[in-house]
């Protein structure tokens, strides 16, 4: 186990953790949306990255 508290390990790319600033930054950039749009999508469909992507990119 590392003593480095800044090393958070590999993020889980199947779930969106809105409580983690670096996760919000990653997902907003990946989907090309604002933080508000990301939060609304997670509220509507849950924190599954696949479901959020379907909600944000319906085609």
PDB file of N, CA and C in Angstrom:
ATOM      1  N   UNK A   1       0.839  -1.173   0.000  1.00  0.00           N
ATOM      2  CA  UNK A   1       0.000   0.000   0.000  1.00  0.00           C
ATOM      3  C   UNK A   1       0.886   1.239   0.000  1.00  0.00           C
ATOM      4  N   UNK A   2       0.537   2.175  -0.826  1.00  0.00           N
ATOM      5  CA  UNK A   2       1.320   3.396  -0.966  1.00  0.00           C
ATOM      6  C   UNK A   2       0.987   4.399   0.137  1.00  0.00           C
ATOM      7  N   UNK A   3       1.992   5.152   0.550  1.00  0.00           N
ATOM      8  CA  UNK A   3       1.775   6.232   1.506  1.00  0.00           C
ATOM      9  C   UNK A   3       1.416   7.533   0.803  1.00  0.00           C
ATOM     10  N   UNK A   4       1.451   7.533  -0.522  1.00  0.00           N
ATOM     11  CA  UNK A   4       1.148   8.717  -1.309  1.00  0.00           C
ATOM     12  C   UNK A   4      -0.367   8.891  -1.387  1.00  0.00           C
ATOM     13  N   UNK A   5      -0.898   9.873  -0.675  1.00  0.00           N
ATOM     14  CA  UNK A   5      -2.335  10.098  -0.661  1.00  0.00           C
ATOM     15  C   UNK A   5      -2.851  10.705  -1.958  1.00  0.00           C
ATOM     16  N   UNK A   6      -1.954  11.221  -2.784  1.00  0.00           N
ATOM     17  CA  UNK A   6      -2.360  11.788  -4.066  1.00  0.00           C
ATOM     18  C   UNK A   6      -2.557  10.708  -5.123  1.00  0.00           C
ATOM     19  N   UNK A   7      -1.995   9.533  -4.904  1.00  0.00           N
ATOM     20  CA  UNK A   7      -2.130   8.426  -5.848  1.00  0.00           C
ATOM     21  C   UNK A   7      -3.431   7.701  -5.550  1.00  0.00           C
ATOM     22  N   UNK A   8      -4.409   7.924  -6.380  1.00  0.00           N
ATOM     23  CA  UNK A   8      -5.728   7.352  -6.146  1.00  0.00           C
ATOM     24  C   UNK A   8      -5.920   6.025  -6.872  1.00  0.00           C
ATOM     25  N   UNK A   9      -4.911   5.578  -7.586  1.00  0.00           N
ATOM     26  CA  UNK A   9      -5.031   4.327  -8.316  1.00  0.00           C
ATOM     27  C   UNK A   9      -5.795   4.523  -9.611  1.00  0.00           C
ATOM     28  N   UNK A  10      -6.070   3.439 -10.265  1.00  0.00           N
ATOM     29  CA  UNK A  10      -6.787   3.495 -11.535  1.00  0.00           C
ATOM     30  C   UNK A  10      -8.260   3.777 -11.290  1.00  0.00           C
ATOM     31  N   UNK A  11      -8.808   4.754 -11.998  1.00  0.00           N
ATOM     32  CA  UNK A  11     -10.230   5.028 -11.840  1.00  0.00           C
ATOM     33  C   UNK A  11     -11.058   3.917 -12.477  1.00  0.00           C
ATOM     34  N   UNK A  12     -12.240   3.697 -11.964  1.00  0.00           N
ATOM     35  CA  UNK A  12     -13.153   2.719 -12.533  1.00  0.00           C
ATOM     36  C   UNK A  12     -13.878   3.396 -13.683  1.00  0.00           C
ATOM     37  N   UNK A  13     -13.580   3.009 -14.888  1.00  0.00           N
ATOM     38  CA  UNK A  13     -14.150   3.668 -16.062  1.00  0.00           C
ATOM     39  C   UNK A  13     -15.550   3.172 -16.404  1.00  0.00           C
ATOM     40  N   UNK A  14     -16.120   2.320 -15.556  1.00  0.00           N
ATOM     41  CA  UNK A  14     -17.489   1.861 -15.769  1.00  0.00           C
ATOM     42  C   UNK A  14     -18.485   2.680 -14.954  1.00  0.00           C
ATOM     43  N   UNK A  15     -17.973   3.388 -13.945  1.00  0.00           N
ATOM     44  CA  UNK A  15     -18.832   4.176 -13.069  1.00  0.00           C
ATOM     45  C   UNK A  15     -18.325   5.609 -12.983  1.00  0.00           C
ATOM     46  N   UNK A  16     -19.250   6.540 -12.819  1.00  0.00           N
ATOM     47  CA  UNK A  16     -18.903   7.952 -12.712  1.00  0.00           C
ATOM     48  C   UNK A  16     -19.053   8.374 -11.253  1.00  0.00           C
ATOM     49  N   UNK A  17     -17.962   8.834 -10.657  1.00  0.00           N
ATOM     50  CA  UNK A  17     -17.964   9.280  -9.260  1.00  0.00           C
ATOM     51  C   UNK A  17     -18.000  10.805  -9.233  1.00  0.00           C
ATOM     52  N   UNK A  18     -19.190  11.360  -9.076  1.00  0.00           N
ATOM     53  CA  UNK A  18     -19.332  12.815  -9.099  1.00  0.00           C
ATOM     54  C   UNK A  18     -18.684  13.497  -7.905  1.00  0.00           C
ATOM     55  N   UNK A  19     -18.376  12.767  -6.869  1.00  0.00           N
ATOM     56  CA  UNK A  19     -17.739  13.339  -5.692  1.00  0.00           C
ATOM     57  C   UNK A  19     -16.245  13.538  -5.850  1.00  0.00           C
ATOM     58  N   UNK A  20     -15.695  13.074  -6.956  1.00  0.00           N
ATOM     59  CA  UNK A  20     -14.258  13.191  -7.217  1.00  0.00           C
ATOM     60  C   UNK A  20     -14.030  14.188  -8.354  1.00  0.00           C
ATOM     61  N   UNK A  21     -13.369  15.295  -8.037  1.00  0.00           N
ATOM     62  CA  UNK A  21     -13.153  16.365  -9.016  1.00  0.00           C
ATOM     63  C   UNK A  21     -12.472  15.859 -10.284  1.00  0.00           C
ATOM     64  N   UNK A  22     -11.458  15.002 -10.129  1.00  0.00           N
ATOM     65  CA  UNK A  22     -10.744  14.503 -11.305  1.00  0.00           C
ATOM     66  C   UNK A  22     -11.645  13.622 -12.171  1.00  0.00           C
ATOM     67  N   UNK A  23     -12.598  12.939 -11.567  1.00  0.00           N
ATOM     68  CA  UNK A  23     -13.540  12.116 -12.330  1.00  0.00           C
ATOM     69  C   UNK A  23     -14.493  13.011 -13.123  1.00  0.00           C
ATOM     70  N   UNK A  24     -15.005  14.053 -12.478  1.00  0.00           N
ATOM     71  CA  UNK A  24     -15.909  14.983 -13.165  1.00  0.00           C
ATOM     72  C   UNK A  24     -15.186  15.612 -14.349  1.00  0.00           C
ATOM     73  N   UNK A  25     -13.947  16.015 -14.133  1.00  0.00           N
ATOM     74  CA  UNK A  25     -13.150  16.610 -15.210  1.00  0.00           C
ATOM     75  C   UNK A  25     -12.964  15.613 -16.356  1.00  0.00           C
ATOM     76  N   UNK A  26     -12.624  14.375 -16.039  1.00  0.00           N
ATOM     77  CA  UNK A  26     -12.413  13.345 -17.060  1.00  0.00           C
ATOM     78  C   UNK A  26     -13.687  13.116 -17.880  1.00  0.00           C
ATOM     79  N   UNK A  27     -14.814  12.907 -17.192  1.00  0.00           N
ATOM     80  CA  UNK A  27     -16.042  12.555 -17.900  1.00  0.00           C
ATOM     81  C   UNK A  27     -16.604  13.733 -18.700  1.00  0.00           C
ATOM     82  N   UNK A  28     -16.493  14.960 -18.201  1.00  0.00           N
ATOM     83  CA  UNK A  28     -16.981  16.096 -18.985  1.00  0.00           C
ATOM     84  C   UNK A  28     -16.157  16.250 -20.254  1.00  0.00           C
ATOM     85  N   UNK A  29     -14.855  16.032 -20.161  1.00  0.00           N
ATOM     86  CA  UNK A  29     -14.007  16.103 -21.356  1.00  0.00           C
ATOM     87  C   UNK A  29     -14.294  14.946 -22.302  1.00  0.00           C
ATOM     88  N   UNK A  30     -14.462  13.769 -21.763  1.00  0.00           N
ATOM     89  CA  UNK A  30     -14.709  12.587 -22.602  1.00  0.00           C
ATOM     90  C   UNK A  30     -16.011  12.716 -23.377  1.00  0.00           C
ATOM     91  N   UNK A  31     -17.061  13.200 -22.709  1.00  0.00           N
ATOM     92  CA  UNK A  31     -18.359  13.313 -23.365  1.00  0.00           C
ATOM     93  C   UNK A  31     -18.562  14.670 -24.040  1.00  0.00           C
ATOM     94  N   UNK A  32     -17.690  15.628 -23.790  1.00  0.00           N
ATOM     95  CA  UNK A  32     -17.821  16.953 -24.390  1.00  0.00           C
ATOM     96  C   UNK A  32     -19.035  17.711 -23.876  1.00  0.00           C
ATOM     97  N   UNK A  33     -19.275  17.618 -22.566  1.00  0.00           N
ATOM     98  CA  UNK A  33     -20.436  18.267 -21.959  1.00  0.00           C
ATOM     99  C   UNK A  33     -19.995  19.103 -20.762  1.00  0.00           C
ATOM    100  N   UNK A  34     -20.913  19.919 -20.271  1.00  0.00           N
ATOM    101  CA  UNK A  34     -20.631  20.711 -19.072  1.00  0.00           C
ATOM    102  C   UNK A  34     -20.814  19.841 -17.828  1.00  0.00           C
ATOM    103  N   UNK A  35     -20.320  20.331 -16.711  1.00  0.00           N
ATOM    104  CA  UNK A  35     -20.507  19.609 -15.452  1.00  0.00           C
ATOM    105  C   UNK A  35     -21.992  19.477 -15.130  1.00  0.00           C
ATOM    106  N   UNK A  36     -22.752  20.520 -15.384  1.00  0.00           N
ATOM    107  CA  UNK A  36     -24.191  20.482 -15.111  1.00  0.00           C
ATOM    108  C   UNK A  36     -24.875  19.407 -15.957  1.00  0.00           C
ATOM    109  N   UNK A  37     -24.515  19.316 -17.240  1.00  0.00           N
ATOM    110  CA  UNK A  37     -25.103  18.293 -18.106  1.00  0.00           C
ATOM    111  C   UNK A  37     -24.748  16.891 -17.616  1.00  0.00           C
ATOM    112  N   UNK A  38     -23.504  16.710 -17.193  1.00  0.00           N
ATOM    113  CA  UNK A  38     -23.072  15.416 -16.674  1.00  0.00           C
ATOM    114  C   UNK A  38     -23.863  15.064 -15.421  1.00  0.00           C
ATOM    115  N   UNK A  39     -23.984  16.004 -14.504  1.00  0.00           N
ATOM    116  CA  UNK A  39     -24.704  15.748 -13.253  1.00  0.00           C
ATOM    117  C   UNK A  39     -26.180  15.430 -13.518  1.00  0.00           C
ATOM    118  N   UNK A  40     -26.791  16.119 -14.460  1.00  0.00           N
ATOM    119  CA  UNK A  40     -28.189  15.850 -14.795  1.00  0.00           C
ATOM    120  C   UNK A  40     -28.350  14.448 -15.376  1.00  0.00           C
ATOM    121  N   UNK A  41     -27.435  14.057 -16.240  1.00  0.00           N
ATOM    122  CA  UNK A  41     -27.501  12.725 -16.841  1.00  0.00           C
ATOM    123  C   UNK A  41     -27.341  11.642 -15.775  1.00  0.00           C
ATOM    124  N   UNK A  42     -26.404  11.833 -14.848  1.00  0.00           N
ATOM    125  CA  UNK A  42     -26.203  10.857 -13.769  1.00  0.00           C
ATOM    126  C   UNK A  42     -27.451  10.790 -12.889  1.00  0.00           C
ATOM    127  N   UNK A  43     -28.063  11.930 -12.632  1.00  0.00           N
ATOM    128  CA  UNK A  43     -29.283  11.952 -11.827  1.00  0.00           C
ATOM    129  C   UNK A  43     -30.407  11.180 -12.521  1.00  0.00           C
ATOM    130  N   UNK A  44     -30.463  11.258 -13.844  1.00  0.00           N
ATOM    131  CA  UNK A  44     -31.536  10.619 -14.603  1.00  0.00           C
ATOM    132  C   UNK A  44     -31.338   9.117 -14.784  1.00  0.00           C
ATOM    133  N   UNK A  45     -30.095   8.683 -15.015  1.00  0.00           N
ATOM    134  CA  UNK A  45     -29.878   7.268 -15.364  1.00  0.00           C
ATOM    135  C   UNK A  45     -28.964   6.520 -14.406  1.00  0.00           C
ATOM    136  N   UNK A  46     -28.414   7.195 -13.405  1.00  0.00           N
ATOM    137  CA  UNK A  46     -27.482   6.542 -12.486  1.00  0.00           C
ATOM    138  C   UNK A  46     -26.046   6.788 -12.904  1.00  0.00           C
ATOM    139  N   UNK A  47     -25.093   6.171 -12.199  1.00  0.00           N
ATOM    140  CA  UNK A  47     -23.689   6.492 -12.436  1.00  0.00           C
ATOM    141  C   UNK A  47     -22.961   5.518 -13.363  1.00  0.00           C
ATOM    142  N   UNK A  48     -23.694   4.685 -14.076  1.00  0.00           N
ATOM    143  CA  UNK A  48     -23.079   3.815 -15.077  1.00  0.00           C
ATOM    144  C   UNK A  48     -22.606   4.668 -16.250  1.00  0.00           C
ATOM    145  N   UNK A  49     -21.327   4.595 -16.564  1.00  0.00           N
ATOM    146  CA  UNK A  49     -20.775   5.394 -17.659  1.00  0.00           C
ATOM    147  C   UNK A  49     -21.454   5.056 -18.983  1.00  0.00           C
ATOM    148  N   UNK A  50     -21.767   3.783 -19.200  1.00  0.00           N
ATOM    149  CA  UNK A  50     -22.430   3.381 -20.446  1.00  0.00           C
ATOM    150  C   UNK A  50     -23.811   4.012 -20.566  1.00  0.00           C
ATOM    151  N   UNK A  51     -24.573   4.005 -19.479  1.00  0.00           N
ATOM    152  CA  UNK A  51     -25.923   4.578 -19.507  1.00  0.00           C
ATOM    153  C   UNK A  51     -25.879   6.097 -19.655  1.00  0.00           C
ATOM    154  N   UNK A  52     -24.934   6.730 -18.986  1.00  0.00           N
ATOM    155  CA  UNK A  52     -24.792   8.182 -19.106  1.00  0.00           C
ATOM    156  C   UNK A  52     -24.416   8.538 -20.540  1.00  0.00           C
ATOM    157  N   UNK A  53     -23.513   7.779 -21.129  1.00  0.00           N
ATOM    158  CA  UNK A  53     -23.125   8.039 -22.516  1.00  0.00           C
ATOM    159  C   UNK A  53     -24.322   7.888 -23.451  1.00  0.00           C
ATOM    160  N   UNK A  54     -25.134   6.875 -23.254  1.00  0.00           N
ATOM    161  CA  UNK A  54     -26.337   6.691 -24.080  1.00  0.00           C
ATOM    162  C   UNK A  54     -27.274   7.879 -23.935  1.00  0.00           C
ATOM    163  N   UNK A  55     -27.382   8.406 -22.712  1.00  0.00           N
ATOM    164  CA  UNK A  55     -28.266   9.548 -22.447  1.00  0.00           C
ATOM    165  C   UNK A  55     -27.740  10.817 -23.122  1.00  0.00           C
ATOM    166  N   UNK A  56     -26.428  10.997 -23.068  1.00  0.00           N
ATOM    167  CA  UNK A  56     -25.837  12.210 -23.629  1.00  0.00           C
ATOM    168  C   UNK A  56     -25.643  12.131 -25.138  1.00  0.00           C
ATOM    169  N   UNK A  57     -25.461  10.921 -25.649  1.00  0.00           N
ATOM    170  CA  UNK A  57     -25.255  10.704 -27.089  1.00  0.00           C
ATOM    171  C   UNK A  57     -26.289   9.697 -27.575  1.00  0.00           C
ATOM    172  N   UNK A  58     -27.507  10.158 -27.817  1.00  0.00           N
ATOM    173  CA  UNK A  58     -28.591   9.226 -28.127  1.00  0.00           C
ATOM    174  C   UNK A  58     -28.421   8.427 -29.426  1.00  0.00           C
ATOM    175  N   UNK A  59     -27.567   8.860 -30.320  1.00  0.00           N
ATOM    176  CA  UNK A  59     -27.429   8.134 -31.599  1.00  0.00           C
ATOM    177  C   UNK A  59     -26.422   7.064 -31.481  1.00  0.00           C
TER     178      UNK A  59
END
